[in-house]
Amino acid sequence: MKFWDGISSKIGANEAVKGKKQDYVINKFLGIGSFNNSYLANGNIFLKQYTYPIKKHKNFLKFKNRLEKIYNKINNLTFTENIIETFEYKNHCFIAREYEKDAKTLKKFVSQNPSIENRLSLLKKLILPLFEIHQNDIVHTDLKPEQFLILEDKIILIDFDHCIDEGLNIYAPAMTNYWYSPEHIKSENISFHSDVFTFGLIVYKLLTNIHPFYKKIKEGKYEEAILKKSEYIPINEIYKNTLPINLAECIDSMLERDFKNRPKTYEVYEIFTNNL
């Protein structure tokens, strides 16, 4: 084992980085994101490396403080990832969390074409992470199917890099624009309402196998579709009016352009947990 030199852009297998609580030996490279690399370390730890050097990050201290504040919160929650530590090494920021070996992402679940009954029953669990973080004044801002991990007994929400406290009331862009809300697109303040919109996109995809604006995505007109709700097909038209009316109306209203017309998170929670 040798420690990473901080020069190469990617950490090699059997190289290590030094954390505050422990050293992390890289087992394998897992993937690359917009601003980070991810690895399996020590056999059971998911390690994220921010590829942008700290010294070139003008707002790093603010970014770091926000992350630490958010992670201190989510480590006390039930339906979120468990963060081991955040640390700096060789001019890079790292986050270590528990690696859920047997977890399945919601994206993977949908790709396996489950039965309608299994899709509907999953809604009761799917709303719990979003309801919990909103109850604790956390706005995720970057929801997508890959962020929901299905475990044997529950679903957890991961990847809080772009999270904000509701009180901060700032714009925190990510790079996954097919899951943007109108507020993301217009560079307006992101709030609970924005998460509700994106969650509506995810639920629609879960229940129908298609993104509600997939035609516009193929045409490269996603932003136009979101801002105008153009060519949107109400979900009960796809289900031929077999979904419970209150559920169908809730999903349709989550995708309203004006956030004032969207349901509150607790209203979605009540419908998903009490009426299915």
Protein backbone atom coordinates (compact mmCIF):
# COMPACT_ATOMS: atom_id res chain seq x y z
CA MET A 1 0.00 0.00 0.00
CA LYS A 2 1.16 3.51 -0.77
CA PHE A 3 -0.47 6.87 -0.18
CA TRP A 4 -1.86 8.79 -3.15
CA ASP A 5 0.48 11.52 -4.36
CA GLY A 6 -2.28 14.07 -5.01
CA ILE A 7 -1.00 14.64 -8.55
CA SER A 8 -2.77 11.99 -10.62
CA SER A 9 -6.43 12.81 -11.21
CA LYS A 10 -7.63 9.36 -10.15
CA ILE A 11 -6.58 7.31 -7.16
CA GLY A 12 -5.33 3.85 -8.09
CA ALA A 13 -6.26 0.50 -6.58
CA ASN A 14 -4.34 -0.22 -3.36
CA GLU A 15 -3.42 3.44 -2.98
CA ALA A 16 -4.61 5.15 0.20
CA VAL A 17 -5.72 8.55 1.45
CA LYS A 18 -5.47 9.70 5.03
CA GLY A 19 -8.70 10.69 6.76
CA LYS A 20 -9.20 12.18 10.19
CA LYS A 21 -10.65 8.98 11.66
CA GLN A 22 -8.87 6.34 9.58
CA ASP A 23 -6.94 5.66 6.40
CA TYR A 24 -8.87 4.60 3.30
CA VAL A 25 -7.34 2.01 0.98
CA ILE A 26 -8.90 2.03 -2.47
CA ASN A 27 -10.29 -1.32 -3.62
CA LYS A 28 -11.75 -0.19 -6.93
CA PHE A 29 -12.94 2.80 -8.90
CA LEU A 30 -16.77 3.02 -8.97
CA GLY A 31 -17.48 5.92 -11.28
CA ILE A 32 -17.14 9.55 -12.20
CA GLY A 33 -19.57 12.42 -11.62
CA SER A 34 -19.66 16.03 -12.74
CA PHE A 35 -17.24 17.15 -10.02
CA ASN A 36 -16.11 13.97 -8.31
CA ASN A 37 -14.74 10.44 -8.48
CA SER A 38 -16.13 7.64 -6.35
CA TYR A 39 -14.41 4.55 -4.98
CA LEU A 40 -14.92 1.47 -2.85
CA ALA A 41 -12.46 1.66 0.04
CA ASN A 42 -11.60 -0.66 2.93
CA GLY A 43 -14.06 -3.21 1.57
CA ASN A 44 -17.18 -1.51 2.91
CA ILE A 45 -16.84 2.27 2.51
CA PHE A 46 -18.03 4.52 -0.30
CA LEU A 47 -15.44 7.26 -0.77
CA LYS A 48 -16.12 10.38 -2.81
CA GLN A 49 -13.26 12.57 -4.00
CA TYR A 50 -14.01 16.09 -5.20
CA THR A 51 -11.76 16.51 -8.22
CA TYR A 52 -11.62 20.32 -8.06
CA PRO A 53 -8.56 21.32 -5.96
CA ILE A 54 -9.34 23.17 -2.75
CA LYS A 55 -6.89 25.99 -3.48
CA LYS A 56 -8.75 26.81 -6.71
CA HIS A 57 -12.13 26.76 -4.98
CA LYS A 58 -12.81 30.36 -3.92
CA ASN A 59 -15.83 29.42 -1.81
CA PHE A 60 -14.42 26.19 -0.38
CA LEU A 61 -14.74 27.18 3.28
CA LYS A 62 -18.39 28.09 2.78
CA PHE A 63 -18.96 24.85 0.84
CA LYS A 64 -17.23 22.78 3.52
CA ASN A 65 -19.15 24.38 6.37
CA ARG A 66 -22.45 23.80 4.57
CA LEU A 67 -21.62 20.15 3.97
CA GLU A 68 -20.60 19.55 7.57
CA LYS A 69 -23.74 21.23 8.87
CA ILE A 70 -25.96 19.14 6.60
CA TYR A 71 -24.15 15.88 7.36
CA ASN A 72 -24.35 16.48 11.10
CA LYS A 73 -28.11 16.68 10.61
CA ILE A 74 -28.62 13.68 8.36
CA ASN A 75 -26.54 11.38 10.56
CA ASN A 76 -29.32 11.69 13.12
CA LEU A 77 -32.02 10.70 10.64
CA THR A 78 -33.44 7.29 9.75
CA PHE A 79 -33.90 7.36 5.99
CA THR A 80 -30.62 8.94 4.83
CA GLU A 81 -27.09 7.78 4.18
CA ASN A 82 -24.70 7.52 7.13
CA ILE A 83 -21.66 9.78 6.73
CA ILE A 84 -18.49 8.58 8.44
CA GLU A 85 -16.50 11.77 7.94
CA THR A 86 -15.52 14.62 5.64
CA PHE A 87 -11.84 15.42 5.38
CA GLU A 88 -9.16 17.09 3.30
CA TYR A 89 -6.15 15.34 1.82
CA LYS A 90 -3.62 16.52 -0.76
CA ASN A 91 -5.61 19.66 -1.61
CA HIS A 92 -8.84 17.70 -2.20
CA CYS A 93 -12.03 17.26 -0.22
CA PHE A 94 -13.33 13.76 0.53
CA ILE A 95 -16.53 12.29 1.95
CA ALA A 96 -16.68 8.77 3.39
CA ARG A 97 -19.97 6.99 3.96
CA GLU A 98 -21.18 3.47 4.56
CA TYR A 99 -21.31 1.36 1.39
CA GLU A 100 -24.64 -0.42 0.98
CA LYS A 101 -23.43 -3.53 -0.84
CA ASP A 102 -26.83 -5.13 -1.44
CA ALA A 103 -28.74 -1.93 -2.16
CA LYS A 104 -30.63 -1.41 -5.40
CA THR A 105 -31.19 2.07 -6.81
CA LEU A 106 -34.69 3.13 -7.76
CA LYS A 107 -33.39 3.49 -11.32
CA LYS A 108 -32.38 -0.18 -11.31
CA PHE A 109 -35.72 -1.18 -9.78
CA VAL A 110 -37.67 0.53 -12.58
CA SER A 111 -35.43 -0.99 -15.26
CA GLN A 112 -36.41 -4.47 -14.07
CA ASN A 113 -40.04 -3.79 -15.03
CA PRO A 114 -41.70 -4.68 -11.70
CA SER A 115 -45.42 -5.29 -11.40
CA ILE A 116 -47.84 -2.39 -10.94
CA GLU A 117 -48.58 -3.70 -7.44
CA ASN A 118 -44.90 -3.58 -6.48
CA ARG A 119 -44.50 -0.09 -7.91
CA LEU A 120 -47.48 1.24 -5.98
CA SER A 121 -46.46 -0.45 -2.74
CA LEU A 122 -43.01 1.15 -3.01
CA LEU A 123 -44.54 4.65 -2.85
CA LYS A 124 -45.19 4.24 0.87
CA LYS A 125 -41.46 3.83 1.49
CA LEU A 126 -40.29 6.23 -1.20
CA ILE A 127 -41.89 9.30 0.38
CA LEU A 128 -40.34 8.68 3.81
CA PRO A 129 -36.81 10.03 3.12
CA LEU A 130 -38.14 13.20 1.47
CA PHE A 131 -40.67 13.79 4.24
CA GLU A 132 -37.99 13.27 6.89
CA ILE A 133 -35.42 15.68 5.45
CA HIS A 134 -38.06 18.35 4.85
CA GLN A 135 -39.25 17.97 8.43
CA ASN A 136 -35.66 18.77 9.39
CA ASP A 137 -35.45 21.86 7.15
CA ILE A 138 -33.20 20.23 4.54
CA VAL A 139 -33.82 20.75 0.82
CA HIS A 140 -32.06 18.11 -1.29
CA THR A 141 -32.12 20.10 -4.60
CA ASP A 142 -30.69 17.22 -6.69
CA LEU A 143 -33.23 14.39 -6.47
CA LYS A 144 -33.12 11.68 -9.13
CA PRO A 145 -33.81 7.92 -9.21
CA GLU A 146 -30.15 7.07 -8.56
CA GLN A 147 -30.29 8.88 -5.20
CA PHE A 148 -32.86 6.50 -3.69
CA LEU A 149 -31.35 3.23 -2.45
CA ILE A 150 -33.74 0.34 -1.80
CA LEU A 151 -32.62 -1.77 1.16
CA GLU A 152 -34.30 -4.83 2.59
CA ASP A 153 -36.26 -2.92 5.23
CA LYS A 154 -36.36 0.68 3.98
CA ILE A 155 -35.36 3.21 1.33
CA ILE A 156 -32.62 5.72 2.05
CA LEU A 157 -31.71 8.96 0.28
CA ILE A 158 -28.08 9.70 -0.61
CA ASP A 159 -25.84 12.35 -2.18
CA PHE A 160 -26.44 15.56 -0.25
CA ASP A 161 -23.68 17.56 -1.97
CA HIS A 162 -26.07 20.22 -3.25
CA CYS A 163 -28.30 20.31 -0.18
CA ILE A 164 -29.27 23.52 1.51
CA ASP A 165 -31.00 24.51 4.68
CA GLU A 166 -34.39 25.98 3.85
CA GLY A 167 -33.39 29.13 5.70
CA LEU A 168 -30.45 29.75 3.35
CA ASN A 169 -32.85 30.30 0.45
CA ILE A 170 -30.18 30.13 -2.26
CA TYR A 171 -29.80 28.68 -5.72
CA ALA A 172 -27.71 25.50 -5.65
CA PRO A 173 -27.37 24.10 -9.18
CA ALA A 174 -26.51 20.50 -9.97
CA MET A 175 -25.86 19.01 -13.39
CA THR A 176 -28.87 16.70 -13.81
CA ASN A 177 -31.21 18.97 -15.72
CA TYR A 178 -33.68 16.25 -16.76
CA TRP A 179 -34.73 16.27 -13.11
CA TYR A 180 -34.84 20.05 -12.74
CA SER A 181 -37.80 22.00 -11.41
CA PRO A 182 -38.92 25.29 -13.00
CA GLU A 183 -37.05 27.10 -10.23
CA HIS A 184 -33.80 25.35 -11.20
CA ILE A 185 -34.24 26.35 -14.83
CA LYS A 186 -35.08 29.97 -14.05
CA SER A 187 -32.24 30.24 -11.49
CA GLU A 188 -34.74 31.13 -8.79
CA ASN A 189 -34.58 30.21 -5.13
CA ILE A 190 -34.74 26.46 -4.57
CA SER A 191 -37.11 25.35 -1.83
CA PHE A 192 -39.16 22.41 -0.56
CA HIS A 193 -41.51 23.05 -3.47
CA SER A 194 -38.69 22.36 -5.92
CA ASP A 195 -37.97 18.98 -4.33
CA VAL A 196 -41.69 18.18 -4.56
CA PHE A 197 -41.65 18.90 -8.30
CA THR A 198 -38.63 16.68 -8.92
CA PHE A 199 -40.10 13.97 -6.71
CA GLY A 200 -43.21 14.14 -8.90
CA LEU A 201 -41.05 13.49 -11.98
CA ILE A 202 -39.51 10.48 -10.23
CA VAL A 203 -42.87 9.04 -9.13
CA TYR A 204 -44.28 9.46 -12.64
CA LYS A 205 -41.26 7.58 -14.01
CA LEU A 206 -41.65 4.86 -11.37
CA LEU A 207 -45.31 4.26 -12.20
CA THR A 208 -45.15 4.56 -16.00
CA ASN A 209 -41.56 3.66 -17.02
CA ILE A 210 -41.30 7.00 -18.84
CA HIS A 211 -40.25 10.51 -17.90
CA PRO A 212 -43.35 12.75 -18.17
CA PHE A 213 -41.54 14.99 -20.68
CA TYR A 214 -39.56 12.33 -22.52
CA LYS A 215 -40.71 13.49 -25.97
CA LYS A 216 -39.38 16.98 -25.34
CA ILE A 217 -36.16 15.55 -23.93
CA LYS A 218 -35.62 13.66 -27.19
CA GLU A 219 -36.19 16.92 -29.07
CA GLY A 220 -33.76 18.79 -26.83
CA LYS A 221 -36.60 20.97 -25.48
CA TYR A 222 -36.76 19.85 -21.87
CA GLU A 223 -36.59 23.34 -20.36
CA GLU A 224 -39.44 24.50 -22.58
CA ALA A 225 -41.52 21.50 -21.55
CA ILE A 226 -40.97 22.13 -17.84
CA LEU A 227 -41.76 25.82 -18.00
CA LYS A 228 -44.90 25.32 -20.10
CA LYS A 229 -45.89 21.80 -18.93
CA SER A 230 -46.30 21.12 -22.65
CA GLU A 231 -47.43 17.71 -23.93
CA TYR A 232 -47.91 16.49 -20.38
CA ILE A 233 -50.17 13.44 -20.18
CA PRO A 234 -52.06 13.17 -16.87
CA ILE A 235 -51.01 9.95 -15.22
CA ASN A 236 -54.51 8.48 -15.02
CA GLU A 237 -54.80 8.73 -18.79
CA ILE A 238 -51.94 6.26 -18.97
CA TYR A 239 -53.52 4.11 -16.26
CA LYS A 240 -56.96 4.37 -17.90
CA ASN A 241 -58.39 5.84 -14.68
CA THR A 242 -57.44 2.84 -12.55
CA LEU A 243 -55.26 4.79 -10.10
CA PRO A 244 -56.96 6.17 -6.98
CA ILE A 245 -58.18 9.64 -7.92
CA ASN A 246 -56.48 11.39 -5.01
CA LEU A 247 -53.15 9.73 -5.88
CA ALA A 248 -53.37 10.67 -9.57
CA GLU A 249 -54.36 14.25 -8.77
CA CYS A 250 -51.51 14.51 -6.26
CA ILE A 251 -48.92 13.37 -8.82
CA ASP A 252 -50.27 15.71 -11.50
CA SER A 253 -50.27 18.65 -9.11
CA MET A 254 -46.69 18.00 -8.00
CA LEU A 255 -45.71 18.88 -11.57
CA GLU A 256 -47.42 22.27 -11.67
CA ARG A 257 -45.24 25.06 -13.05
CA ASP A 258 -46.19 27.48 -10.26
CA PHE A 259 -44.86 26.15 -6.96
CA LYS A 260 -47.81 27.71 -5.14
CA ASN A 261 -50.08 25.16 -6.82
CA ARG A 262 -48.03 22.13 -5.76
CA PRO A 263 -48.94 20.11 -2.67
CA LYS A 264 -46.88 20.42 0.48
CA THR A 265 -44.61 17.51 1.34
CA TYR A 266 -46.80 16.46 4.25
CA GLU A 267 -49.82 16.33 1.93
CA VAL A 268 -47.95 14.02 -0.44
CA TYR A 269 -46.88 11.97 2.58
CA GLU A 270 -50.45 11.56 3.81
CA ILE A 271 -51.73 10.44 0.42
CA PHE A 272 -48.87 8.02 -0.22
CA THR A 273 -48.95 6.43 3.23
CA ASN A 274 -52.67 6.44 4.05
CA ASN A 275 -54.44 5.86 0.76
CA LEU A 276 -52.50 3.07 -0.97
